[in-house]
Amino acid sequence: MATTADELARAYDRYVAAYWRGETDTAGRFAAWLKGCWELGGPPEPTGPPDAVSALGGAGASIRRYETDGLVLGYIPGVVHRCYRVRRDADPPALPAYRGAARRGER
């Protein structure tokens, strides 16, 4: 199964939310994996609209994601000559969706 720009954008936003909730093990695995995808000297950002946006990424500036042949590239506004470069066949660590707070009496 190919990794898409939309899947990465949603995964990144789930990672930030997990971090905020204090789920450090889950968030840490994803952060370590993603750090390996951050590259110096990436290609310039495409001129068209992104295929997906990580709204919570880039210190609030977002991460714009573009699908290319075999890659998903992610750009943070104002950061030049760097981008996230994720192979389409990559298998990022799982980030489960938030199940919500426990109801009263459930723990």
PDB file of N, CA and C in Angstrom:
ATOM      1  N   MET A   1       0.839  -1.179   0.000  1.00  0.00           N
ATOM      2  CA  MET A   1       0.000   0.000   0.000  1.00  0.00           C
ATOM      3  C   MET A   1       0.889   1.248   0.000  1.00  0.00           C
ATOM      4  N   ALA A   2       0.561   2.195  -0.822  1.00  0.00           N
ATOM      5  CA  ALA A   2       1.366   3.414  -0.936  1.00  0.00           C
ATOM      6  C   ALA A   2       0.965   4.421   0.135  1.00  0.00           C
ATOM      7  N   THR A   3       1.962   5.093   0.684  1.00  0.00           N
ATOM      8  CA  THR A   3       1.730   6.180   1.625  1.00  0.00           C
ATOM      9  C   THR A   3       1.362   7.419   0.816  1.00  0.00           C
ATOM     10  N   THR A   4       0.273   8.074   1.190  1.00  0.00           N
ATOM     11  CA  THR A   4      -0.173   9.256   0.465  1.00  0.00           C
ATOM     12  C   THR A   4       0.102  10.520   1.279  1.00  0.00           C
ATOM     13  N   ALA A   5       0.027  11.648   0.607  1.00  0.00           N
ATOM     14  CA  ALA A   5       0.201  12.937   1.280  1.00  0.00           C
ATOM     15  C   ALA A   5      -0.865  13.115   2.351  1.00  0.00           C
ATOM     16  N   ASP A   6      -2.097  12.725   2.047  1.00  0.00           N
ATOM     17  CA  ASP A   6      -3.182  12.864   3.011  1.00  0.00           C
ATOM     18  C   ASP A   6      -2.946  11.997   4.244  1.00  0.00           C
ATOM     19  N   GLU A   7      -2.501  10.761   4.058  1.00  0.00           N
ATOM     20  CA  GLU A   7      -2.217   9.888   5.195  1.00  0.00           C
ATOM     21  C   GLU A   7      -1.121  10.474   6.080  1.00  0.00           C
ATOM     22  N   LEU A   8      -0.075  11.016   5.466  1.00  0.00           N
ATOM     23  CA  LEU A   8       1.007  11.624   6.248  1.00  0.00           C
ATOM     24  C   LEU A   8       0.537  12.865   6.988  1.00  0.00           C
ATOM     25  N   ALA A   9      -0.286  13.674   6.349  1.00  0.00           N
ATOM     26  CA  ALA A   9      -0.795  14.877   7.008  1.00  0.00           C
ATOM     27  C   ALA A   9      -1.633  14.498   8.230  1.00  0.00           C
ATOM     28  N   ARG A  10      -2.512  13.519   8.081  1.00  0.00           N
ATOM     29  CA  ARG A  10      -3.331  13.094   9.216  1.00  0.00           C
ATOM     30  C   ARG A  10      -2.476  12.461  10.300  1.00  0.00           C
ATOM     31  N   ALA A  11      -1.473  11.663   9.912  1.00  0.00           N
ATOM     32  CA  ALA A  11      -0.588  11.032  10.896  1.00  0.00           C
ATOM     33  C   ALA A  11       0.195  12.089  11.674  1.00  0.00           C
ATOM     34  N   TYR A  12       0.671  13.121  10.977  1.00  0.00           N
ATOM     35  CA  TYR A  12       1.420  14.166  11.666  1.00  0.00           C
ATOM     36  C   TYR A  12       0.531  14.888  12.679  1.00  0.00           C
ATOM     37  N   ASP A  13      -0.679  15.199  12.302  1.00  0.00           N
ATOM     38  CA  ASP A  13      -1.586  15.876  13.227  1.00  0.00           C
ATOM     39  C   ASP A  13      -1.933  14.974  14.420  1.00  0.00           C
ATOM     40  N   ARG A  14      -2.070  13.653  14.190  1.00  0.00           N
ATOM     41  CA  ARG A  14      -2.288  12.724  15.309  1.00  0.00           C
ATOM     42  C   ARG A  14      -1.058  12.666  16.205  1.00  0.00           C
ATOM     43  N   TYR A  15       0.141  12.751  15.615  1.00  0.00           N
ATOM     44  CA  TYR A  15       1.380  12.769  16.399  1.00  0.00           C
ATOM     45  C   TYR A  15       1.422  13.984  17.323  1.00  0.00           C
ATOM     46  N   VAL A  16       1.106  15.165  16.795  1.00  0.00           N
ATOM     47  CA  VAL A  16       1.117  16.380  17.619  1.00  0.00           C
ATOM     48  C   VAL A  16       0.087  16.259  18.743  1.00  0.00           C
ATOM     49  N   ALA A  17      -1.099  15.773  18.432  1.00  0.00           N
ATOM     50  CA  ALA A  17      -2.129  15.609  19.455  1.00  0.00           C
ATOM     51  C   ALA A  17      -1.698  14.599  20.523  1.00  0.00           C
ATOM     52  N   ALA A  18      -1.063  13.504  20.121  1.00  0.00           N
ATOM     53  CA  ALA A  18      -0.573  12.513  21.085  1.00  0.00           C
ATOM     54  C   ALA A  18       0.484  13.133  21.993  1.00  0.00           C
ATOM     55  N   TYR A  19       1.357  13.930  21.423  1.00  0.00           N
ATOM     56  CA  TYR A  19       2.383  14.625  22.211  1.00  0.00           C
ATOM     57  C   TYR A  19       1.728  15.545  23.240  1.00  0.00           C
ATOM     58  N   TRP A  20       0.747  16.312  22.802  1.00  0.00           N
ATOM     59  CA  TRP A  20       0.037  17.223  23.711  1.00  0.00           C
ATOM     60  C   TRP A  20      -0.648  16.469  24.852  1.00  0.00           C
ATOM     61  N   ARG A  21      -1.144  15.264  24.550  1.00  0.00           N
ATOM     62  CA  ARG A  21      -1.824  14.467  25.576  1.00  0.00           C
ATOM     63  C   ARG A  21      -0.848  13.762  26.501  1.00  0.00           C
ATOM     64  N   GLY A  22       0.451  13.863  26.216  1.00  0.00           N
ATOM     65  CA  GLY A  22       1.451  13.221  27.060  1.00  0.00           C
ATOM     66  C   GLY A  22       1.741  11.783  26.691  1.00  0.00           C
ATOM     67  N   GLU A  23       1.320  11.346  25.526  1.00  0.00           N
ATOM     68  CA  GLU A  23       1.574   9.977  25.068  1.00  0.00           C
ATOM     69  C   GLU A  23       2.972   9.929  24.440  1.00  0.00           C
ATOM     70  N   THR A  24       3.981  10.051  25.293  1.00  0.00           N
ATOM     71  CA  THR A  24       5.347  10.244  24.819  1.00  0.00           C
ATOM     72  C   THR A  24       5.922   9.035  24.080  1.00  0.00           C
ATOM     73  N   ASP A  25       5.548   7.829  24.470  1.00  0.00           N
ATOM     74  CA  ASP A  25       6.070   6.658  23.753  1.00  0.00           C
ATOM     75  C   ASP A  25       5.588   6.635  22.314  1.00  0.00           C
ATOM     76  N   THR A  26       4.284   6.803  22.140  1.00  0.00           N
ATOM     77  CA  THR A  26       3.697   6.805  20.801  1.00  0.00           C
ATOM     78  C   THR A  26       4.245   7.963  19.976  1.00  0.00           C
ATOM     79  N   ALA A  27       4.211   9.156  20.541  1.00  0.00           N
ATOM     80  CA  ALA A  27       4.688  10.341  19.823  1.00  0.00           C
ATOM     81  C   ALA A  27       6.178  10.236  19.517  1.00  0.00           C
ATOM     82  N   GLY A  28       6.955   9.725  20.453  1.00  0.00           N
ATOM     83  CA  GLY A  28       8.402   9.616  20.266  1.00  0.00           C
ATOM     84  C   GLY A  28       8.795   8.704  19.121  1.00  0.00           C
ATOM     85  N   ARG A  29       8.086   7.588  18.974  1.00  0.00           N
ATOM     86  CA  ARG A  29       8.390   6.673  17.854  1.00  0.00           C
ATOM     87  C   ARG A  29       8.159   7.363  16.515  1.00  0.00           C
ATOM     88  N   PHE A  30       7.042   8.061  16.407  1.00  0.00           N
ATOM     89  CA  PHE A  30       6.747   8.741  15.144  1.00  0.00           C
ATOM     90  C   PHE A  30       7.748   9.872  14.895  1.00  0.00           C
ATOM     91  N   ALA A  31       8.079  10.640  15.941  1.00  0.00           N
ATOM     92  CA  ALA A  31       9.033  11.752  15.793  1.00  0.00           C
ATOM     93  C   ALA A  31      10.397  11.246  15.339  1.00  0.00           C
ATOM     94  N   ALA A  32      10.855  10.149  15.910  1.00  0.00           N
ATOM     95  CA  ALA A  32      12.161   9.583  15.526  1.00  0.00           C
ATOM     96  C   ALA A  32      12.141   9.130  14.072  1.00  0.00           C
ATOM     97  N   TRP A  33      11.042   8.491  13.659  1.00  0.00           N
ATOM     98  CA  TRP A  33      10.934   8.055  12.266  1.00  0.00           C
ATOM     99  C   TRP A  33      10.931   9.262  11.331  1.00  0.00           C
ATOM    100  N   LEU A  34      10.136  10.271  11.674  1.00  0.00           N
ATOM    101  CA  LEU A  34      10.016  11.446  10.813  1.00  0.00           C
ATOM    102  C   LEU A  34      11.321  12.234  10.731  1.00  0.00           C
ATOM    103  N   LYS A  35      12.065  12.278  11.819  1.00  0.00           N
ATOM    104  CA  LYS A  35      13.356  12.985  11.823  1.00  0.00           C
ATOM    105  C   LYS A  35      14.280  12.424  10.735  1.00  0.00           C
ATOM    106  N   GLY A  36      14.204  11.125  10.507  1.00  0.00           N
ATOM    107  CA  GLY A  36      15.010  10.502   9.462  1.00  0.00           C
ATOM    108  C   GLY A  36      14.592  10.884   8.051  1.00  0.00           C
ATOM    109  N   CYS A  37      13.431  11.502   7.915  1.00  0.00           N
ATOM    110  CA  CYS A  37      12.917  11.922   6.602  1.00  0.00           C
ATOM    111  C   CYS A  37      13.202  13.393   6.312  1.00  0.00           C
ATOM    112  N   TRP A  38      13.732  14.141   7.287  1.00  0.00           N
ATOM    113  CA  TRP A  38      13.996  15.585   7.145  1.00  0.00           C
ATOM    114  C   TRP A  38      15.347  15.734   6.475  1.00  0.00           C
ATOM    115  N   GLU A  39      15.384  16.342   5.286  1.00  0.00           N
ATOM    116  CA  GLU A  39      16.606  16.379   4.499  1.00  0.00           C
ATOM    117  C   GLU A  39      17.011  17.789   4.109  1.00  0.00           C
ATOM    118  N   LEU A  40      18.288  17.985   4.084  1.00  0.00           N
ATOM    119  CA  LEU A  40      18.883  19.228   3.599  1.00  0.00           C
ATOM    120  C   LEU A  40      19.065  19.108   2.091  1.00  0.00           C
ATOM    121  N   GLY A  41      18.833  20.192   1.385  1.00  0.00           N
ATOM    122  CA  GLY A  41      19.073  20.208  -0.054  1.00  0.00           C
ATOM    123  C   GLY A  41      17.965  19.596  -0.881  1.00  0.00           C
ATOM    124  N   GLY A  42      16.756  19.611  -0.372  1.00  0.00           N
ATOM    125  CA  GLY A  42      15.638  19.055  -1.128  1.00  0.00           C
ATOM    126  C   GLY A  42      15.294  19.912  -2.329  1.00  0.00           C
ATOM    127  N   PRO A  43      14.464  19.384  -3.206  1.00  0.00           N
ATOM    128  CA  PRO A  43      14.046  20.155  -4.377  1.00  0.00           C
ATOM    129  C   PRO A  43      13.184  21.345  -3.953  1.00  0.00           C
ATOM    130  N   PRO A  44      13.081  22.357  -4.788  1.00  0.00           N
ATOM    131  CA  PRO A  44      12.209  23.487  -4.447  1.00  0.00           C
ATOM    132  C   PRO A  44      10.759  23.030  -4.344  1.00  0.00           C
ATOM    133  N   GLU A  45       9.989  23.775  -3.549  1.00  0.00           N
ATOM    134  CA  GLU A  45       8.583  23.433  -3.379  1.00  0.00           C
ATOM    135  C   GLU A  45       7.841  23.598  -4.702  1.00  0.00           C
ATOM    136  N   PRO A  46       6.998  22.621  -5.051  1.00  0.00           N
ATOM    137  CA  PRO A  46       6.201  22.755  -6.276  1.00  0.00           C
ATOM    138  C   PRO A  46       5.328  24.013  -6.225  1.00  0.00           C
ATOM    139  N   THR A  47       4.988  24.530  -7.386  1.00  0.00           N
ATOM    140  CA  THR A  47       4.234  25.781  -7.454  1.00  0.00           C
ATOM    141  C   THR A  47       2.724  25.591  -7.312  1.00  0.00           C
ATOM    142  N   GLY A  48       2.224  24.416  -7.564  1.00  0.00           N
ATOM    143  CA  GLY A  48       0.781  24.185  -7.475  1.00  0.00           C
ATOM    144  C   GLY A  48       0.322  23.997  -6.043  1.00  0.00           C
ATOM    145  N   PRO A  49      -0.981  23.835  -5.863  1.00  0.00           N
ATOM    146  CA  PRO A  49      -1.506  23.621  -4.513  1.00  0.00           C
ATOM    147  C   PRO A  49      -1.038  22.273  -3.969  1.00  0.00           C
ATOM    148  N   PRO A  50      -0.854  22.171  -2.643  1.00  0.00           N
ATOM    149  CA  PRO A  50      -0.408  20.899  -2.065  1.00  0.00           C
ATOM    150  C   PRO A  50      -1.503  19.837  -2.161  1.00  0.00           C
ATOM    151  N   ASP A  51      -1.076  18.588  -2.121  1.00  0.00           N
ATOM    152  CA  ASP A  51      -2.033  17.473  -2.109  1.00  0.00           C
ATOM    153  C   ASP A  51      -2.668  17.315  -0.735  1.00  0.00           C
ATOM    154  N   ALA A  52      -1.965  17.764   0.307  1.00  0.00           N
ATOM    155  CA  ALA A  52      -2.487  17.702   1.680  1.00  0.00           C
ATOM    156  C   ALA A  52      -1.698  18.681   2.533  1.00  0.00           C
ATOM    157  N   VAL A  53      -2.291  19.048   3.673  1.00  0.00           N
ATOM    158  CA  VAL A  53      -1.645  19.974   4.599  1.00  0.00           C
ATOM    159  C   VAL A  53      -1.754  19.412   6.011  1.00  0.00           C
ATOM    160  N   SER A  54      -0.622  19.403   6.720  1.00  0.00           N
ATOM    161  CA  SER A  54      -0.616  19.071   8.145  1.00  0.00           C
ATOM    162  C   SER A  54      -0.834  20.379   8.884  1.00  0.00           C
ATOM    163  N   ALA A  55      -2.059  20.601   9.337  1.00  0.00           N
ATOM    164  CA  ALA A  55      -2.416  21.887   9.930  1.00  0.00           C
ATOM    165  C   ALA A  55      -1.629  22.199  11.192  1.00  0.00           C
ATOM    166  N   LEU A  56      -1.260  21.186  11.960  1.00  0.00           N
ATOM    167  CA  LEU A  56      -0.573  21.411  13.230  1.00  0.00           C
ATOM    168  C   LEU A  56       0.943  21.422  13.097  1.00  0.00           C
ATOM    169  N   GLY A  57       1.466  21.187  11.920  1.00  0.00           N
ATOM    170  CA  GLY A  57       2.909  21.100  11.737  1.00  0.00           C
ATOM    171  C   GLY A  57       3.585  22.434  11.535  1.00  0.00           C
ATOM    172  N   GLY A  58       4.903  22.397  11.480  1.00  0.00           N
ATOM    173  CA  GLY A  58       5.692  23.586  11.174  1.00  0.00           C
ATOM    174  C   GLY A  58       5.540  24.689  12.195  1.00  0.00           C
ATOM    175  N   ALA A  59       5.461  24.334  13.471  1.00  0.00           N
ATOM    176  CA  ALA A  59       5.312  25.317  14.551  1.00  0.00           C
ATOM    177  C   ALA A  59       4.104  26.221  14.308  1.00  0.00           C
ATOM    178  N   GLY A  60       3.043  25.636  13.802  1.00  0.00           N
ATOM    179  CA  GLY A  60       1.810  26.383  13.555  1.00  0.00           C
ATOM    180  C   GLY A  60       1.693  26.956  12.162  1.00  0.00           C
ATOM    181  N   ALA A  61       2.764  26.878  11.365  1.00  0.00           N
ATOM    182  CA  ALA A  61       2.737  27.400  10.002  1.00  0.00           C
ATOM    183  C   ALA A  61       2.229  26.375   8.997  1.00  0.00           C
ATOM    184  N   SER A  62       2.065  25.153   9.401  1.00  0.00           N
ATOM    185  CA  SER A  62       1.609  24.015   8.607  1.00  0.00           C
ATOM    186  C   SER A  62       2.764  23.358   7.856  1.00  0.00           C
ATOM    187  N   ILE A  63       2.508  22.165   7.381  1.00  0.00           N
ATOM    188  CA  ILE A  63       3.428  21.460   6.487  1.00  0.00           C
ATOM    189  C   ILE A  63       2.629  21.135   5.240  1.00  0.00           C
ATOM    190  N   ARG A  64       3.083  21.628   4.112  1.00  0.00           N
ATOM    191  CA  ARG A  64       2.415  21.369   2.834  1.00  0.00           C
ATOM    192  C   ARG A  64       3.041  20.125   2.206  1.00  0.00           C
ATOM    193  N   ARG A  65       2.195  19.190   1.813  1.00  0.00           N
ATOM    194  CA  ARG A  65       2.678  17.902   1.291  1.00  0.00           C
ATOM    195  C   ARG A  65       2.262  17.713  -0.162  1.00  0.00           C
ATOM    196  N   TYR A  66       3.225  17.218  -0.940  1.00  0.00           N
ATOM    197  CA  TYR A  66       3.041  17.013  -2.378  1.00  0.00           C
ATOM    198  C   TYR A  66       3.433  15.582  -2.722  1.00  0.00           C
ATOM    199  N   GLU A  67       2.607  14.933  -3.525  1.00  0.00           N
ATOM    200  CA  GLU A  67       2.933  13.598  -4.022  1.00  0.00           C
ATOM    201  C   GLU A  67       3.691  13.732  -5.328  1.00  0.00           C
ATOM    202  N   THR A  68       4.816  13.037  -5.405  1.00  0.00           N
ATOM    203  CA  THR A  68       5.612  12.992  -6.625  1.00  0.00           C
ATOM    204  C   THR A  68       5.831  11.520  -6.960  1.00  0.00           C
ATOM    205  N   ASP A  69       6.544  11.258  -8.030  1.00  0.00           N
ATOM    206  CA  ASP A  69       6.832   9.874  -8.398  1.00  0.00           C
ATOM    207  C   ASP A  69       7.642   9.206  -7.294  1.00  0.00           C
ATOM    208  N   GLY A  70       6.999   8.323  -6.554  1.00  0.00           N
ATOM    209  CA  GLY A  70       7.693   7.539  -5.541  1.00  0.00           C
ATOM    210  C   GLY A  70       7.936   8.240  -4.218  1.00  0.00           C
ATOM    211  N   LEU A  71       7.579   9.521  -4.094  1.00  0.00           N
ATOM    212  CA  LEU A  71       7.856  10.271  -2.867  1.00  0.00           C
ATOM    213  C   LEU A  71       6.665  11.125  -2.456  1.00  0.00           C
ATOM    214  N   VAL A  72       6.619  11.446  -1.171  1.00  0.00           N
ATOM    215  CA  VAL A  72       5.767  12.512  -0.663  1.00  0.00           C
ATOM    216  C   VAL A  72       6.725  13.528  -0.058  1.00  0.00           C
ATOM    217  N   LEU A  73       6.677  14.750  -0.572  1.00  0.00           N
ATOM    218  CA  LEU A  73       7.552  15.814  -0.091  1.00  0.00           C
ATOM    219  C   LEU A  73       6.749  16.754   0.802  1.00  0.00           C
ATOM    220  N   GLY A  74       7.355  17.170   1.930  1.00  0.00           N
ATOM    221  CA  GLY A  74       6.681  18.066   2.861  1.00  0.00           C
ATOM    222  C   GLY A  74       7.499  19.317   3.093  1.00  0.00           C
ATOM    223  N   TYR A  75       6.864  20.477   2.970  1.00  0.00           N
ATOM    224  CA  TYR A  75       7.547  21.775   3.084  1.00  0.00           C
ATOM    225  C   TYR A  75       6.931  22.621   4.186  1.00  0.00           C
ATOM    226  N   ILE A  76       7.794  23.262   4.975  1.00  0.00           N
ATOM    227  CA  ILE A  76       7.373  24.197   6.009  1.00  0.00           C
ATOM    228  C   ILE A  76       7.602  25.600   5.468  1.00  0.00           C
ATOM    229  N   PRO A  77       6.589  26.458   5.499  1.00  0.00           N
ATOM    230  CA  PRO A  77       6.748  27.828   4.989  1.00  0.00           C
ATOM    231  C   PRO A  77       7.937  28.536   5.655  1.00  0.00           C
ATOM    232  N   GLY A  78       8.743  29.169   4.828  1.00  0.00           N
ATOM    233  CA  GLY A  78       9.881  29.930   5.326  1.00  0.00           C
ATOM    234  C   GLY A  78      11.151  29.127   5.537  1.00  0.00           C
ATOM    235  N   VAL A  79      11.091  27.820   5.412  1.00  0.00           N
ATOM    236  CA  VAL A  79      12.286  26.977   5.568  1.00  0.00           C
ATOM    237  C   VAL A  79      12.747  26.586   4.164  1.00  0.00           C
ATOM    238  N   VAL A  80      13.852  27.154   3.737  1.00  0.00           N
ATOM    239  CA  VAL A  80      14.339  26.894   2.379  1.00  0.00           C
ATOM    240  C   VAL A  80      15.406  25.802   2.383  1.00  0.00           C
ATOM    241  N   HIS A  81      15.503  25.121   1.276  1.00  0.00           N
ATOM    242  CA  HIS A  81      16.511  24.089   1.035  1.00  0.00           C
ATOM    243  C   HIS A  81      16.387  22.893   1.976  1.00  0.00           C
ATOM    244  N   ARG A  82      15.210  22.703   2.580  1.00  0.00           N
ATOM    245  CA  ARG A  82      14.953  21.533   3.414  1.00  0.00           C
ATOM    246  C   ARG A  82      13.525  21.085   3.160  1.00  0.00           C
ATOM    247  N   CYS A  83      13.313  19.791   3.273  1.00  0.00           N
ATOM    248  CA  CYS A  83      11.951  19.261   3.182  1.00  0.00           C
ATOM    249  C   CYS A  83      11.924  17.861   3.770  1.00  0.00           C
ATOM    250  N   TYR A  84      10.716  17.413   4.088  1.00  0.00           N
ATOM    251  CA  TYR A  84      10.519  16.013   4.441  1.00  0.00           C
ATOM    252  C   TYR A  84      10.425  15.246   3.135  1.00  0.00           C
ATOM    253  N   ARG A  85      11.163  14.167   3.057  1.00  0.00           N
ATOM    254  CA  ARG A  85      11.162  13.326   1.861  1.00  0.00           C
ATOM    255  C   ARG A  85      10.817  11.904   2.318  1.00  0.00           C
ATOM    256  N   VAL A  86       9.583  11.495   2.034  1.00  0.00           N
ATOM    257  CA  VAL A  86       9.084  10.194   2.482  1.00  0.00           C
ATOM    258  C   VAL A  86       8.787   9.338   1.266  1.00  0.00           C
ATOM    259  N   ARG A  87       9.379   8.161   1.236  1.00  0.00           N
ATOM    260  CA  ARG A  87       9.109   7.235   0.139  1.00  0.00           C
ATOM    261  C   ARG A  87       7.656   6.786   0.204  1.00  0.00           C
ATOM    262  N   ARG A  88       7.033   6.642  -0.956  1.00  0.00           N
ATOM    263  CA  ARG A  88       5.626   6.227  -1.005  1.00  0.00           C
ATOM    264  C   ARG A  88       5.423   4.823  -0.440  1.00  0.00           C
ATOM    265  N   ASP A  89       6.479   4.005  -0.429  1.00  0.00           N
ATOM    266  CA  ASP A  89       6.357   2.657   0.133  1.00  0.00           C
ATOM    267  C   ASP A  89       6.781   2.602   1.599  1.00  0.00           C
ATOM    268  N   ALA A  90       6.964   3.760   2.235  1.00  0.00           N
ATOM    269  CA  ALA A  90       7.349   3.820   3.646  1.00  0.00           C
ATOM    270  C   ALA A  90       6.216   3.297   4.524  1.00  0.00           C
ATOM    271  N   ASP A  91       6.609   2.820   5.686  1.00  0.00           N
ATOM    272  CA  ASP A  91       5.644   2.305   6.652  1.00  0.00           C
ATOM    273  C   ASP A  91       5.829   3.056   7.966  1.00  0.00           C
ATOM    274  N   PRO A  92       5.204   4.243   8.098  1.00  0.00           N
ATOM    275  CA  PRO A  92       5.390   5.024   9.323  1.00  0.00           C
ATOM    276  C   PRO A  92       4.825   4.304  10.545  1.00  0.00           C
ATOM    277  N   PRO A  93       5.383   4.578  11.729  1.00  0.00           N
ATOM    278  CA  PRO A  93       4.845   3.960  12.947  1.00  0.00           C
ATOM    279  C   PRO A  93       3.366   4.315  13.128  1.00  0.00           C
ATOM    280  N   ALA A  94       2.629   3.375  13.645  1.00  0.00           N
ATOM    281  CA  ALA A  94       1.195   3.574  13.850  1.00  0.00           C
ATOM    282  C   ALA A  94       0.929   4.638  14.909  1.00  0.00           C
ATOM    283  N   LEU A  95      -0.064   5.443  14.647  1.00  0.00           N
ATOM    284  CA  LEU A  95      -0.545   6.447  15.598  1.00  0.00           C
ATOM    285  C   LEU A  95      -2.050   6.258  15.730  1.00  0.00           C
ATOM    286  N   PRO A  96      -2.479   5.568  16.774  1.00  0.00           N
ATOM    287  CA  PRO A  96      -3.916   5.318  16.886  1.00  0.00           C
ATOM    288  C   PRO A  96      -4.695   6.610  17.057  1.00  0.00           C
ATOM    289  N   ALA A  97      -5.901   6.608  16.539  1.00  0.00           N
ATOM    290  CA  ALA A  97      -6.784   7.770  16.698  1.00  0.00           C
ATOM    291  C   ALA A  97      -7.166   7.901  18.164  1.00  0.00           C
ATOM    292  N   TYR A  98      -7.381   9.125  18.587  1.00  0.00           N
ATOM    293  CA  TYR A  98      -7.777   9.395  19.968  1.00  0.00           C
ATOM    294  C   TYR A  98      -9.169   8.836  20.213  1.00  0.00           C
ATOM    295  N   ARG A  99      -9.314   8.079  21.270  1.00  0.00           N
ATOM    296  CA  ARG A  99     -10.600   7.445  21.578  1.00  0.00           C
ATOM    297  C   ARG A  99     -11.464   8.318  22.478  1.00  0.00           C
ATOM    298  N   GLY A 100     -10.962   9.421  22.915  1.00  0.00           N
ATOM    299  CA  GLY A 100     -11.734  10.320  23.781  1.00  0.00           C
ATOM    300  C   GLY A 100     -11.544   9.990  25.241  1.00  0.00           C
ATOM    301  N   ALA A 101     -12.020  10.875  26.061  1.00  0.00           N
ATOM    302  CA  ALA A 101     -11.912  10.693  27.506  1.00  0.00           C
ATOM    303  C   ALA A 101     -12.862   9.591  27.968  1.00  0.00           C
ATOM    304  N   ALA A 102     -12.480   8.918  29.024  1.00  0.00           N
ATOM    305  CA  ALA A 102     -13.333   7.873  29.589  1.00  0.00           C
ATOM    306  C   ALA A 102     -14.587   8.499  30.191  1.00  0.00           C
ATOM    307  N   ARG A 103     -15.685   7.817  30.016  1.00  0.00           N
ATOM    308  CA  ARG A 103     -16.935   8.286  30.641  1.00  0.00           C
ATOM    309  C   ARG A 103     -16.865   8.030  32.138  1.00  0.00           C
ATOM    310  N   ARG A 104     -17.678   8.748  32.862  1.00  0.00           N
ATOM    311  CA  ARG A 104     -17.725   8.555  34.301  1.00  0.00           C
ATOM    312  C   ARG A 104     -17.989   7.092  34.623  1.00  0.00           C
ATOM    313  N   GLY A 105     -17.199   6.541  35.498  1.00  0.00           N
ATOM    314  CA  GLY A 105     -17.349   5.145  35.890  1.00  0.00           C
ATOM    315  C   GLY A 105     -16.522   4.182  35.052  1.00  0.00           C
ATOM    316  N   GLU A 106     -15.960   4.637  33.914  1.00  0.00           N
ATOM    317  CA  GLU A 106     -15.108   3.791  33.059  1.00  0.00           C
ATOM    318  C   GLU A 106     -13.659   4.185  33.293  1.00  0.00           C
ATOM    319  N   ARG A 107     -12.845   3.274  33.654  1.00  0.00           N
ATOM    320  CA  ARG A 107     -11.403   3.565  33.819  1.00  0.00           C
ATOM    321  C   ARG A 107     -10.613   2.341  33.613  1.00  0.00           C
TER     322      ARG A 107
END
